[in-house]
N, C-alpha and C. Protein backbone atom coordinates (compact mmCIF):
# COMPACT_ATOMS: atom_id res chain seq x y z
N MET A 1 35.89 -43.82 -38.89
CA MET A 1 36.41 -42.57 -38.36
C MET A 1 37.37 -41.95 -39.38
N SER A 2 37.18 -40.69 -39.65
CA SER A 2 38.07 -40.01 -40.59
C SER A 2 39.44 -39.80 -39.96
N ALA A 3 40.44 -39.65 -40.81
CA ALA A 3 41.80 -39.39 -40.31
C ALA A 3 41.83 -38.08 -39.53
N LYS A 4 41.07 -37.10 -39.99
CA LYS A 4 41.05 -35.81 -39.28
C LYS A 4 40.51 -35.99 -37.87
N ALA A 5 39.44 -36.76 -37.73
CA ALA A 5 38.87 -37.01 -36.40
C ALA A 5 39.87 -37.79 -35.54
N LYS A 6 40.53 -38.78 -36.14
CA LYS A 6 41.51 -39.60 -35.41
C LYS A 6 42.64 -38.73 -34.85
N TYR A 7 43.11 -37.78 -35.64
CA TYR A 7 44.26 -36.96 -35.25
C TYR A 7 43.87 -35.57 -34.73
N GLN A 8 42.63 -35.43 -34.28
CA GLN A 8 42.17 -34.13 -33.79
C GLN A 8 43.05 -33.61 -32.65
N GLU A 9 43.56 -34.50 -31.81
CA GLU A 9 44.45 -34.08 -30.70
C GLU A 9 45.73 -33.45 -31.24
N VAL A 10 46.22 -33.92 -32.37
CA VAL A 10 47.41 -33.33 -33.01
C VAL A 10 47.08 -31.91 -33.48
N LEU A 11 45.93 -31.77 -34.11
CA LEU A 11 45.50 -30.46 -34.59
C LEU A 11 45.30 -29.48 -33.43
N ASN A 12 44.72 -29.99 -32.34
CA ASN A 12 44.53 -29.15 -31.15
C ASN A 12 45.87 -28.71 -30.57
N LEU A 13 46.83 -29.63 -30.52
CA LEU A 13 48.15 -29.29 -30.00
C LEU A 13 48.81 -28.24 -30.89
N GLY A 14 48.69 -28.40 -32.19
CA GLY A 14 49.25 -27.41 -33.11
C GLY A 14 48.67 -26.03 -32.88
N GLU A 15 47.38 -25.99 -32.63
CA GLU A 15 46.73 -24.71 -32.34
C GLU A 15 47.22 -24.14 -31.01
N GLN A 16 47.32 -25.00 -30.01
CA GLN A 16 47.80 -24.59 -28.68
C GLN A 16 49.23 -24.04 -28.75
N LEU A 17 50.07 -24.67 -29.56
CA LEU A 17 51.47 -24.24 -29.70
C LEU A 17 51.62 -23.02 -30.60
N GLY A 18 50.57 -22.69 -31.31
CA GLY A 18 50.64 -21.54 -32.21
C GLY A 18 51.44 -21.83 -33.47
N ILE A 19 51.29 -23.04 -34.00
CA ILE A 19 51.97 -23.41 -35.24
C ILE A 19 51.52 -22.43 -36.34
N LYS A 20 52.49 -21.86 -37.03
CA LYS A 20 52.21 -20.83 -38.04
C LYS A 20 52.02 -21.47 -39.42
N ASP A 21 51.32 -20.75 -40.28
CA ASP A 21 51.11 -21.16 -41.67
C ASP A 21 50.57 -22.58 -41.77
N GLY A 22 49.71 -22.95 -40.84
CA GLY A 22 49.17 -24.30 -40.80
C GLY A 22 48.17 -24.55 -41.92
N ALA A 23 48.21 -25.75 -42.45
CA ALA A 23 47.26 -26.18 -43.46
C ALA A 23 46.92 -27.64 -43.18
N VAL A 24 45.65 -27.97 -43.32
CA VAL A 24 45.17 -29.33 -43.06
C VAL A 24 44.22 -29.71 -44.17
N ASN A 25 44.46 -30.88 -44.79
CA ASN A 25 43.45 -31.42 -45.71
C ASN A 25 43.54 -32.93 -45.70
N GLU A 26 42.46 -33.54 -46.09
CA GLU A 26 42.39 -34.99 -46.10
C GLU A 26 42.11 -35.46 -47.51
N GLU A 27 42.95 -36.37 -47.99
CA GLU A 27 42.81 -36.92 -49.34
C GLU A 27 42.92 -38.44 -49.27
N GLY A 28 41.91 -39.11 -49.73
CA GLY A 28 41.95 -40.57 -49.78
C GLY A 28 42.22 -41.22 -48.44
N GLY A 29 41.68 -40.65 -47.38
CA GLY A 29 41.88 -41.23 -46.05
C GLY A 29 43.20 -40.87 -45.40
N VAL A 30 43.99 -40.02 -46.05
CA VAL A 30 45.28 -39.60 -45.49
C VAL A 30 45.18 -38.12 -45.10
N LEU A 31 45.49 -37.84 -43.85
CA LEU A 31 45.48 -36.46 -43.37
C LEU A 31 46.82 -35.83 -43.69
N LYS A 32 46.81 -34.69 -44.36
CA LYS A 32 48.04 -33.98 -44.71
C LYS A 32 48.05 -32.68 -43.94
N ILE A 33 49.10 -32.52 -43.12
CA ILE A 33 49.22 -31.29 -42.34
C ILE A 33 50.58 -30.67 -42.59
N LYS A 34 50.61 -29.34 -42.52
CA LYS A 34 51.89 -28.66 -42.63
C LYS A 34 51.82 -27.40 -41.79
N GLY A 35 53.00 -26.89 -41.46
CA GLY A 35 53.07 -25.67 -40.66
C GLY A 35 54.49 -25.44 -40.19
N THR A 36 54.66 -24.35 -39.45
CA THR A 36 55.97 -23.98 -38.94
C THR A 36 55.93 -23.85 -37.43
N ALA A 37 56.74 -24.65 -36.76
CA ALA A 37 56.87 -24.58 -35.30
C ALA A 37 57.91 -23.52 -34.95
N THR A 38 57.78 -22.95 -33.77
CA THR A 38 58.73 -21.94 -33.34
C THR A 38 60.13 -22.53 -33.17
N ASN A 39 60.21 -23.77 -32.63
CA ASN A 39 61.51 -24.39 -32.37
C ASN A 39 61.40 -25.91 -32.48
N GLN A 40 62.53 -26.57 -32.38
CA GLN A 40 62.57 -28.02 -32.53
C GLN A 40 61.76 -28.74 -31.45
N TYR A 41 61.76 -28.22 -30.23
CA TYR A 41 61.01 -28.85 -29.15
C TYR A 41 59.52 -28.93 -29.51
N GLU A 42 58.97 -27.84 -30.05
CA GLU A 42 57.56 -27.85 -30.44
C GLU A 42 57.30 -28.83 -31.58
N LYS A 43 58.21 -28.88 -32.54
CA LYS A 43 58.08 -29.85 -33.63
C LYS A 43 58.06 -31.27 -33.07
N ASN A 44 58.96 -31.54 -32.12
CA ASN A 44 59.01 -32.87 -31.51
C ASN A 44 57.72 -33.20 -30.78
N GLN A 45 57.11 -32.20 -30.14
CA GLN A 45 55.85 -32.43 -29.44
C GLN A 45 54.77 -32.87 -30.43
N ILE A 46 54.73 -32.23 -31.59
CA ILE A 46 53.74 -32.61 -32.61
C ILE A 46 53.99 -34.05 -33.05
N TRP A 47 55.25 -34.39 -33.36
CA TRP A 47 55.56 -35.75 -33.81
C TRP A 47 55.29 -36.78 -32.73
N ASP A 48 55.58 -36.45 -31.48
CA ASP A 48 55.29 -37.38 -30.38
C ASP A 48 53.80 -37.67 -30.30
N LYS A 49 52.98 -36.64 -30.49
CA LYS A 49 51.52 -36.83 -30.43
C LYS A 49 51.05 -37.67 -31.62
N ILE A 50 51.62 -37.42 -32.81
CA ILE A 50 51.27 -38.24 -33.98
C ILE A 50 51.59 -39.71 -33.71
N LYS A 51 52.77 -39.99 -33.17
CA LYS A 51 53.18 -41.38 -32.90
C LYS A 51 52.34 -42.01 -31.79
N GLU A 52 51.94 -41.19 -30.81
CA GLU A 52 51.10 -41.69 -29.72
C GLU A 52 49.77 -42.20 -30.27
N ILE A 53 49.24 -41.50 -31.25
CA ILE A 53 47.93 -41.86 -31.82
C ILE A 53 48.08 -42.92 -32.92
N GLY A 54 49.05 -42.74 -33.82
CA GLY A 54 49.13 -43.59 -35.00
C GLY A 54 50.22 -44.64 -35.01
N GLY A 55 51.04 -44.67 -33.97
CA GLY A 55 52.15 -45.62 -33.93
C GLY A 55 53.41 -45.02 -34.54
N GLU A 56 54.47 -45.79 -34.59
CA GLU A 56 55.78 -45.29 -35.04
C GLU A 56 55.80 -44.85 -36.50
N SER A 57 55.08 -45.55 -37.36
CA SER A 57 55.07 -45.22 -38.79
C SER A 57 53.65 -45.20 -39.32
N PRO A 58 52.87 -44.21 -38.92
CA PRO A 58 51.47 -44.18 -39.38
C PRO A 58 51.37 -43.92 -40.88
N SER A 59 50.46 -44.63 -41.53
CA SER A 59 50.29 -44.46 -42.99
C SER A 59 49.12 -43.54 -43.32
N ASP A 60 48.37 -43.12 -42.31
CA ASP A 60 47.19 -42.30 -42.57
C ASP A 60 47.40 -40.82 -42.25
N ILE A 61 48.67 -40.41 -42.09
CA ILE A 61 48.96 -39.00 -41.87
C ILE A 61 50.32 -38.66 -42.48
N GLN A 62 50.39 -37.49 -43.09
CA GLN A 62 51.65 -36.96 -43.61
C GLN A 62 51.81 -35.57 -42.99
N ALA A 63 52.94 -35.35 -42.33
CA ALA A 63 53.16 -34.06 -41.68
C ALA A 63 54.44 -33.43 -42.21
N ASN A 64 54.34 -32.19 -42.57
CA ASN A 64 55.49 -31.41 -43.03
C ASN A 64 55.58 -30.21 -42.10
N ILE A 65 56.34 -30.39 -41.02
CA ILE A 65 56.49 -29.34 -40.01
C ILE A 65 57.91 -28.80 -40.07
N SER A 66 58.03 -27.52 -40.39
CA SER A 66 59.36 -26.90 -40.40
C SER A 66 59.57 -26.15 -39.08
N VAL A 67 60.79 -25.68 -38.88
CA VAL A 67 61.16 -24.99 -37.64
C VAL A 67 61.63 -23.59 -37.96
N GLU A 68 61.04 -22.62 -37.28
CA GLU A 68 61.37 -21.21 -37.50
C GLU A 68 62.76 -20.85 -36.98
N ASP A 69 63.07 -21.26 -35.73
CA ASP A 69 64.35 -20.91 -35.09
C ASP A 69 65.15 -22.18 -34.83
N THR A 70 66.12 -22.48 -35.69
CA THR A 70 66.92 -23.69 -35.54
C THR A 70 68.17 -23.45 -34.68
N SER A 71 68.37 -22.21 -34.22
CA SER A 71 69.57 -21.90 -33.43
C SER A 71 69.47 -22.43 -32.01
N VAL A 72 68.24 -22.74 -31.55
CA VAL A 72 68.04 -23.26 -30.20
C VAL A 72 67.07 -24.42 -30.25
N TYR A 73 67.09 -25.25 -29.23
CA TYR A 73 66.12 -26.34 -29.12
C TYR A 73 64.78 -25.76 -28.66
N ALA A 74 64.86 -24.84 -27.68
CA ALA A 74 63.65 -24.18 -27.16
C ALA A 74 64.07 -22.95 -26.37
N ARG A 75 63.08 -22.18 -25.99
CA ARG A 75 63.27 -21.07 -25.06
C ARG A 75 62.31 -21.33 -23.91
N HIS A 76 62.77 -21.06 -22.70
CA HIS A 76 61.98 -21.40 -21.51
C HIS A 76 61.95 -20.23 -20.55
N THR A 77 60.76 -19.85 -20.13
CA THR A 77 60.61 -18.81 -19.11
C THR A 77 60.52 -19.50 -17.75
N VAL A 78 61.45 -19.17 -16.88
CA VAL A 78 61.54 -19.81 -15.56
C VAL A 78 60.30 -19.51 -14.73
N LYS A 79 59.78 -20.56 -14.08
CA LYS A 79 58.66 -20.43 -13.16
C LYS A 79 59.16 -20.64 -11.73
N SER A 80 58.44 -20.10 -10.79
CA SER A 80 58.79 -20.24 -9.38
C SER A 80 58.96 -21.71 -9.01
N GLY A 81 60.02 -22.02 -8.30
CA GLY A 81 60.26 -23.39 -7.84
C GLY A 81 61.08 -24.25 -8.80
N GLU A 82 61.35 -23.75 -9.99
CA GLU A 82 62.12 -24.54 -10.95
C GLU A 82 63.62 -24.46 -10.66
N THR A 83 64.31 -25.48 -11.10
CA THR A 83 65.77 -25.53 -11.06
C THR A 83 66.25 -25.87 -12.46
N LEU A 84 67.53 -25.64 -12.72
CA LEU A 84 68.06 -26.03 -14.03
C LEU A 84 67.92 -27.53 -14.23
N GLY A 85 68.07 -28.30 -13.15
CA GLY A 85 67.90 -29.76 -13.25
C GLY A 85 66.49 -30.15 -13.67
N LYS A 86 65.48 -29.51 -13.08
CA LYS A 86 64.08 -29.81 -13.44
C LYS A 86 63.81 -29.42 -14.89
N ILE A 87 64.37 -28.28 -15.29
CA ILE A 87 64.17 -27.82 -16.66
C ILE A 87 64.84 -28.78 -17.64
N ALA A 88 66.07 -29.22 -17.32
CA ALA A 88 66.78 -30.17 -18.17
C ALA A 88 66.02 -31.49 -18.27
N LYS A 89 65.47 -31.95 -17.17
CA LYS A 89 64.69 -33.19 -17.16
C LYS A 89 63.47 -33.05 -18.09
N HIS A 90 62.83 -31.89 -18.05
CA HIS A 90 61.65 -31.65 -18.88
C HIS A 90 61.99 -31.71 -20.37
N TYR A 91 63.04 -31.02 -20.78
CA TYR A 91 63.37 -30.93 -22.21
C TYR A 91 64.18 -32.10 -22.73
N TYR A 92 65.09 -32.63 -21.91
CA TYR A 92 66.00 -33.67 -22.39
C TYR A 92 65.77 -35.04 -21.76
N GLY A 93 64.96 -35.10 -20.71
CA GLY A 93 64.76 -36.37 -20.01
C GLY A 93 65.91 -36.73 -19.10
N ASP A 94 66.83 -35.78 -18.86
CA ASP A 94 68.03 -36.04 -18.05
C ASP A 94 68.39 -34.78 -17.28
N ALA A 95 68.19 -34.81 -15.96
CA ALA A 95 68.45 -33.64 -15.11
C ALA A 95 69.91 -33.22 -15.15
N MET A 96 70.82 -34.15 -15.41
CA MET A 96 72.25 -33.81 -15.41
C MET A 96 72.65 -32.94 -16.61
N LYS A 97 71.78 -32.80 -17.56
CA LYS A 97 72.09 -31.93 -18.70
C LYS A 97 71.89 -30.45 -18.35
N TYR A 98 71.65 -30.17 -17.06
CA TYR A 98 71.52 -28.78 -16.62
C TYR A 98 72.78 -27.99 -16.95
N LYS A 99 73.91 -28.68 -17.00
CA LYS A 99 75.19 -27.99 -17.27
C LYS A 99 75.19 -27.35 -18.67
N GLN A 100 74.58 -28.04 -19.63
CA GLN A 100 74.50 -27.48 -20.98
C GLN A 100 73.59 -26.25 -21.01
N ILE A 101 72.51 -26.30 -20.24
CA ILE A 101 71.61 -25.14 -20.17
C ILE A 101 72.34 -23.97 -19.52
N PHE A 102 73.05 -24.25 -18.43
CA PHE A 102 73.81 -23.19 -17.76
C PHE A 102 74.84 -22.58 -18.72
N ALA A 103 75.58 -23.43 -19.42
CA ALA A 103 76.63 -22.94 -20.33
C ALA A 103 76.03 -22.07 -21.44
N ALA A 104 74.83 -22.37 -21.87
CA ALA A 104 74.20 -21.59 -22.94
C ALA A 104 73.62 -20.26 -22.44
N ASN A 105 73.61 -20.08 -21.12
CA ASN A 105 72.98 -18.90 -20.54
C ASN A 105 73.89 -18.12 -19.60
N THR A 106 75.20 -18.26 -19.76
CA THR A 106 76.12 -17.56 -18.86
C THR A 106 76.04 -16.04 -19.01
N ASN A 107 75.40 -15.57 -20.07
CA ASN A 107 75.20 -14.13 -20.21
C ASN A 107 74.22 -13.59 -19.17
N ILE A 108 73.32 -14.45 -18.65
CA ILE A 108 72.38 -14.00 -17.61
C ILE A 108 72.50 -14.78 -16.31
N LEU A 109 73.17 -15.92 -16.34
CA LEU A 109 73.34 -16.73 -15.13
C LEU A 109 74.80 -16.75 -14.70
N LYS A 110 75.02 -16.56 -13.41
CA LYS A 110 76.39 -16.60 -12.87
C LYS A 110 76.63 -17.86 -12.05
N ASN A 111 75.54 -18.51 -11.62
CA ASN A 111 75.64 -19.69 -10.77
C ASN A 111 74.51 -20.63 -11.18
N PRO A 112 74.80 -21.90 -11.45
CA PRO A 112 73.75 -22.82 -11.89
C PRO A 112 72.69 -23.08 -10.83
N ASP A 113 72.98 -22.73 -9.58
CA ASP A 113 72.02 -22.97 -8.50
C ASP A 113 71.11 -21.77 -8.25
N VAL A 114 71.31 -20.68 -9.02
CA VAL A 114 70.51 -19.46 -8.81
C VAL A 114 69.85 -19.03 -10.12
N ILE A 115 68.56 -19.32 -10.20
CA ILE A 115 67.77 -18.81 -11.32
C ILE A 115 66.54 -18.14 -10.72
N HIS A 116 65.93 -17.26 -11.49
CA HIS A 116 64.81 -16.48 -10.97
C HIS A 116 63.61 -16.57 -11.90
N PRO A 117 62.40 -16.54 -11.32
CA PRO A 117 61.20 -16.54 -12.16
C PRO A 117 61.25 -15.42 -13.19
N ASP A 118 60.70 -15.71 -14.35
CA ASP A 118 60.59 -14.79 -15.48
C ASP A 118 61.87 -14.62 -16.28
N GLN A 119 62.97 -15.26 -15.88
CA GLN A 119 64.16 -15.24 -16.74
C GLN A 119 63.86 -16.11 -17.96
N GLU A 120 64.27 -15.65 -19.14
CA GLU A 120 64.09 -16.46 -20.33
C GLU A 120 65.41 -17.15 -20.64
N LEU A 121 65.38 -18.48 -20.61
CA LEU A 121 66.58 -19.27 -20.84
C LEU A 121 66.57 -19.89 -22.22
N VAL A 122 67.74 -19.95 -22.82
CA VAL A 122 67.93 -20.69 -24.06
C VAL A 122 68.13 -22.15 -23.69
N ILE A 123 67.39 -23.02 -24.33
CA ILE A 123 67.58 -24.47 -24.18
C ILE A 123 68.31 -24.91 -25.44
N PRO A 124 69.62 -25.22 -25.32
CA PRO A 124 70.43 -25.45 -26.52
C PRO A 124 70.14 -26.78 -27.22
N ASN A 125 70.43 -26.81 -28.50
CA ASN A 125 70.43 -28.08 -29.24
C ASN A 125 71.58 -28.90 -28.69
N LEU A 126 71.35 -30.19 -28.49
CA LEU A 126 72.44 -31.06 -28.01
C LEU A 126 72.92 -31.95 -29.14
């Protein structure tokens, strides 16, 4: 199996995330990929998928993924039924980090218990 075939899920995820300036080539059994993610969260998603397929230190792939917007971890558009706690759990794995999301969005949020669908929230770097 070629490295490209092995890591096809990584390439698909990159396409799904809209990774910019992407380049993929395979040399000597090593897949070399590069591109620019919108934010750190998207970059982490790519690396998590690489590790899921190839293990913690895969030798058959080299990835050079840069980040376009380093001022935030991510941006999130609120969906119906979400809470800051659910959003914090999704991005940080810890619902109690909702306080950091609230603090980063006091320009549009007045109460951490009141968010509305279609609001775009900044998910801060921690």
